[in-house]
Amino acid sequence: MKNQRELNKEARRKAIMAAAERVFLLKGFEGATVDDIAREAECTKRTLYSYFPGKDLLFNEIVIRGYEVLNNLTEELMSPDLTATGLERLFMYGDLYIKFFQDFPQYFVAMTKYETHRKVDPALELYQRTYAVGEVSFNRLLFFLHRGIEDGSIRRDIEPLGTALTLYAQIIGMGILWLNKNSYVQEMKGKPWTKLIQDMQGLIRTALQNEGGK
């Protein structure tokens, strides 16, 4: 059982991360400063540095947390008790990813900006943790494609890895569109967000569904 000192340190660490999430979302990685984060967290820079040696490492921890939240959301789709086909799981995954970037935009922004701003040595344990937790998300997408091919719900002539990368790019693109061009799409183009999602799903279904499958 953790003592009070350990609980206080854990609470302070979480508070600093929460403050950093808000600042990064508002100002972006480059625009945010350690002073901004310390001010938002209501602590000194010295205290912040005692938990996170630098802005890059703090950003890295936020990316890890984002992937953990996403992976927890999609964990249920890996259950052997789920009777859904591979194609159905694929669409369920897409729905959960959309829920993720709508409910947790701060994590989504950090995850999409990570490679652009990464300054962490790939040999460091923190980078390896980030890569591993991120691969869980992508590998689930790949798993659903393989499962769909096996159960007959997805065409057998697709190339799973290339298809997974294409789908990954599409869902991330939808998230970026929702964050940055939501008003433009809905107000200027008259396309409700739900209809845009339906259109995307229709295109994917047409491209992947095995007409003779389930």
Protein backbone atom coordinates (compact mmCIF):
# COMPACT_ATOMS: atom_id res chain seq x y z
CA MET A 1 0.00 0.00 0.00
CA LYS A 2 1.30 3.45 -0.91
CA ASN A 3 2.00 5.89 1.88
CA GLN A 4 0.71 9.47 1.87
CA ARG A 5 3.96 10.87 0.47
CA GLU A 6 3.81 8.52 -2.50
CA LEU A 7 0.15 9.34 -3.09
CA ASN A 8 0.92 13.06 -3.02
CA LYS A 9 3.74 12.62 -5.54
CA GLU A 10 1.50 10.59 -7.82
CA ALA A 11 -1.25 13.22 -7.61
CA ARG A 12 1.23 16.00 -8.40
CA ARG A 13 2.60 14.06 -11.38
CA LYS A 14 -0.92 13.57 -12.76
CA ALA A 15 -1.70 17.25 -12.22
CA ILE A 16 1.39 18.28 -14.18
CA MET A 17 0.49 15.93 -17.03
CA ALA A 18 -3.09 17.23 -17.11
CA ALA A 19 -1.81 20.81 -17.20
CA ALA A 20 0.60 19.94 -20.01
CA GLU A 21 -2.22 18.35 -22.02
CA ARG A 22 -4.24 21.56 -21.81
CA VAL A 23 -1.30 23.77 -22.72
CA PHE A 24 -0.16 21.60 -25.64
CA LEU A 25 -3.72 21.51 -27.01
CA LEU A 26 -4.06 25.28 -26.73
CA LYS A 27 -0.60 26.39 -27.88
CA GLY A 28 0.83 23.39 -29.71
CA PHE A 29 4.10 21.67 -28.88
CA GLU A 30 6.37 24.38 -30.26
CA GLY A 31 4.37 27.24 -28.76
CA ALA A 32 4.12 25.73 -25.28
CA THR A 33 6.86 26.50 -22.77
CA VAL A 34 7.83 24.91 -19.49
CA ASP A 35 6.81 28.19 -17.83
CA ASP A 36 3.33 27.86 -19.36
CA ILE A 37 2.96 24.31 -18.08
CA ALA A 38 4.26 25.13 -14.60
CA ARG A 39 1.88 28.09 -14.38
CA GLU A 40 -1.07 25.94 -15.47
CA ALA A 41 -0.08 23.22 -12.98
CA GLU A 42 0.38 25.83 -10.23
CA CYS A 43 3.88 24.65 -9.42
CA THR A 44 7.42 25.93 -9.84
CA LYS A 45 9.63 25.01 -12.77
CA ARG A 46 11.92 23.27 -10.31
CA THR A 47 9.05 21.07 -9.15
CA LEU A 48 8.07 20.30 -12.73
CA TYR A 49 11.63 19.32 -13.64
CA SER A 50 11.79 17.02 -10.63
CA TYR A 51 9.02 14.95 -12.25
CA PHE A 52 9.81 15.48 -15.93
CA PRO A 53 13.38 16.45 -16.97
CA GLY A 54 12.17 18.26 -20.08
CA LYS A 55 9.25 19.23 -22.28
CA ASP A 56 10.05 16.51 -24.81
CA LEU A 57 9.84 13.74 -22.23
CA LEU A 58 6.63 15.17 -20.79
CA PHE A 59 5.13 15.24 -24.27
CA ASN A 60 6.24 11.63 -24.77
CA GLU A 61 4.43 10.55 -21.60
CA ILE A 62 1.24 12.21 -22.82
CA VAL A 63 1.48 10.30 -26.10
CA ILE A 64 1.85 7.04 -24.16
CA ARG A 65 -1.19 7.92 -22.06
CA GLY A 66 -3.18 8.66 -25.20
CA TYR A 67 -2.42 5.29 -26.73
CA GLU A 68 -3.28 3.58 -23.45
CA VAL A 69 -6.70 5.25 -23.43
CA LEU A 70 -7.30 4.25 -27.06
CA ASN A 71 -6.17 0.68 -26.47
CA ASN A 72 -8.42 0.36 -23.43
CA LEU A 73 -11.36 1.52 -25.55
CA THR A 74 -10.73 -1.09 -28.24
CA GLU A 75 -9.72 -3.95 -25.92
CA GLU A 76 -13.23 -5.42 -26.00
CA LEU A 77 -12.92 -6.02 -29.75
CA MET A 78 -10.19 -8.58 -29.12
CA SER A 79 -12.42 -10.81 -27.00
CA PRO A 80 -12.79 -14.37 -28.35
CA ASP A 81 -16.37 -14.27 -27.04
CA LEU A 82 -17.29 -11.51 -29.50
CA THR A 83 -19.27 -13.06 -32.35
CA ALA A 84 -18.66 -10.20 -34.81
CA THR A 85 -16.86 -10.88 -38.09
CA GLY A 86 -13.53 -9.31 -38.92
CA LEU A 87 -15.24 -6.68 -41.08
CA GLU A 88 -17.72 -5.86 -38.32
CA ARG A 89 -14.89 -5.52 -35.80
CA LEU A 90 -13.13 -3.21 -38.24
CA PHE A 91 -16.10 -0.84 -38.29
CA MET A 92 -16.51 -1.09 -34.52
CA TYR A 93 -12.84 -0.14 -34.20
CA GLY A 94 -13.44 2.87 -36.44
CA ASP A 95 -16.42 3.99 -34.34
CA LEU A 96 -14.37 3.73 -31.15
CA TYR A 97 -11.46 5.65 -32.71
CA ILE A 98 -13.87 8.43 -33.68
CA LYS A 99 -15.20 8.47 -30.11
CA PHE A 100 -11.59 8.65 -28.91
CA PHE A 101 -10.58 11.73 -30.89
CA GLN A 102 -13.86 13.47 -30.06
CA ASP A 103 -13.65 12.74 -26.32
CA PHE A 104 -9.87 13.11 -25.95
CA PRO A 105 -8.68 15.67 -28.52
CA GLN A 106 -5.62 16.51 -26.41
CA TYR A 107 -4.33 12.95 -26.75
CA PHE A 108 -5.19 12.69 -30.43
CA VAL A 109 -3.31 15.91 -31.21
CA ALA A 110 -0.27 14.71 -29.25
CA MET A 111 -0.28 11.33 -31.00
CA THR A 112 -0.52 12.82 -34.49
CA LYS A 113 2.23 15.36 -33.76
CA TYR A 114 4.53 12.90 -32.03
CA GLU A 115 6.74 11.89 -34.94
CA THR A 116 7.03 15.49 -36.12
CA HIS A 117 8.28 16.74 -32.78
CA ARG A 118 10.02 13.67 -31.39
CA LYS A 119 13.48 14.46 -30.10
CA VAL A 120 13.88 11.41 -27.92
CA ASP A 121 16.71 8.99 -28.65
CA PRO A 122 15.17 5.80 -30.14
CA ALA A 123 17.44 3.80 -27.84
CA LEU A 124 15.78 5.22 -24.74
CA GLU A 125 13.33 3.05 -22.82
CA LEU A 126 10.69 5.81 -22.99
CA TYR A 127 10.73 5.85 -26.79
CA GLN A 128 10.54 2.06 -26.90
CA ARG A 129 7.51 2.15 -24.60
CA THR A 130 5.84 4.71 -26.85
CA TYR A 131 6.47 2.64 -29.95
CA ALA A 132 5.22 -0.55 -28.30
CA VAL A 133 1.96 0.95 -27.01
CA GLY A 134 1.34 2.62 -30.38
CA GLU A 135 1.86 -0.64 -32.24
CA VAL A 136 -0.91 -2.26 -30.18
CA SER A 137 -3.43 0.04 -31.85
CA PHE A 138 -2.16 -0.54 -35.37
CA ASN A 139 -1.76 -4.30 -34.92
CA ARG A 140 -5.39 -4.59 -33.85
CA LEU A 141 -6.43 -3.01 -37.12
CA LEU A 142 -4.23 -5.50 -38.96
CA PHE A 143 -5.66 -8.37 -36.90
CA PHE A 144 -9.25 -7.48 -37.87
CA LEU A 145 -8.29 -7.54 -41.55
CA HIS A 146 -6.68 -10.97 -41.24
CA ARG A 147 -9.66 -12.24 -39.27
CA GLY A 148 -12.06 -10.92 -41.90
CA ILE A 149 -10.15 -12.68 -44.66
CA GLU A 150 -10.25 -15.91 -42.67
CA ASP A 151 -13.98 -15.72 -41.85
CA GLY A 152 -14.92 -14.68 -45.39
CA SER A 153 -16.26 -11.21 -44.58
CA ILE A 154 -13.30 -9.45 -46.28
CA ARG A 155 -11.97 -10.09 -49.78
CA ARG A 156 -9.04 -12.46 -49.99
CA ASP A 157 -7.23 -10.49 -52.69
CA ILE A 158 -6.37 -7.49 -50.51
CA GLU A 159 -2.88 -6.96 -49.11
CA PRO A 160 -3.44 -6.67 -45.32
CA LEU A 161 -0.48 -4.49 -44.35
CA GLY A 162 -0.97 -1.93 -47.10
CA THR A 163 -4.72 -1.89 -46.46
CA ALA A 164 -4.19 -1.40 -42.72
CA LEU A 165 -1.88 1.55 -43.38
CA THR A 166 -4.43 3.08 -45.75
CA LEU A 167 -7.25 2.68 -43.23
CA TYR A 168 -5.03 4.09 -40.48
CA ALA A 169 -4.34 7.14 -42.61
CA GLN A 170 -8.06 7.57 -43.30
CA ILE A 171 -9.13 7.48 -39.66
CA ILE A 172 -6.36 9.87 -38.61
CA GLY A 173 -7.33 12.16 -41.48
CA MET A 174 -10.94 12.14 -40.28
CA GLY A 175 -9.76 13.14 -36.82
CA ILE A 176 -7.69 16.03 -38.17
CA LEU A 177 -10.63 17.13 -40.32
CA TRP A 178 -12.97 17.04 -37.32
CA LEU A 179 -10.57 19.09 -35.20
CA ASN A 180 -9.61 21.69 -37.80
CA LYS A 181 -12.35 21.83 -40.44
CA ASN A 182 -15.52 20.74 -38.66
CA SER A 183 -17.35 24.03 -39.16
CA TYR A 184 -16.21 24.26 -42.78
CA VAL A 185 -17.53 20.79 -43.59
CA GLN A 186 -20.85 21.18 -41.79
CA GLU A 187 -21.68 24.85 -42.36
CA MET A 188 -19.96 25.77 -45.62
CA LYS A 189 -20.42 22.43 -47.37
CA GLY A 190 -23.65 21.39 -45.66
CA LYS A 191 -22.33 17.93 -44.81
CA PRO A 192 -23.34 16.73 -41.33
CA TRP A 193 -20.50 14.98 -39.54
CA THR A 194 -22.53 11.78 -39.12
CA LYS A 195 -23.21 11.68 -42.87
CA LEU A 196 -19.52 12.15 -43.63
CA ILE A 197 -18.70 9.17 -41.42
CA GLN A 198 -21.39 7.08 -43.13
CA ASP A 199 -19.97 7.99 -46.53
CA MET A 200 -16.47 6.97 -45.47
CA GLN A 201 -17.74 3.68 -44.05
CA GLY A 202 -19.66 3.02 -47.26
CA LEU A 203 -16.52 3.48 -49.35
CA ILE A 204 -14.54 1.17 -47.08
CA ARG A 205 -17.27 -1.46 -47.10
CA THR A 206 -17.47 -1.37 -50.90
CA ALA A 207 -13.69 -1.74 -51.15
CA LEU A 208 -13.28 -4.54 -48.60
CA GLN A 209 -16.45 -6.58 -48.35
CA ASN A 210 -16.42 -10.05 -49.82
CA GLU A 211 -19.66 -10.20 -51.80
CA GLY A 212 -19.95 -13.90 -51.18
CA GLY A 213 -19.02 -13.62 -47.50
CA LYS A 214 -21.00 -12.94 -44.36
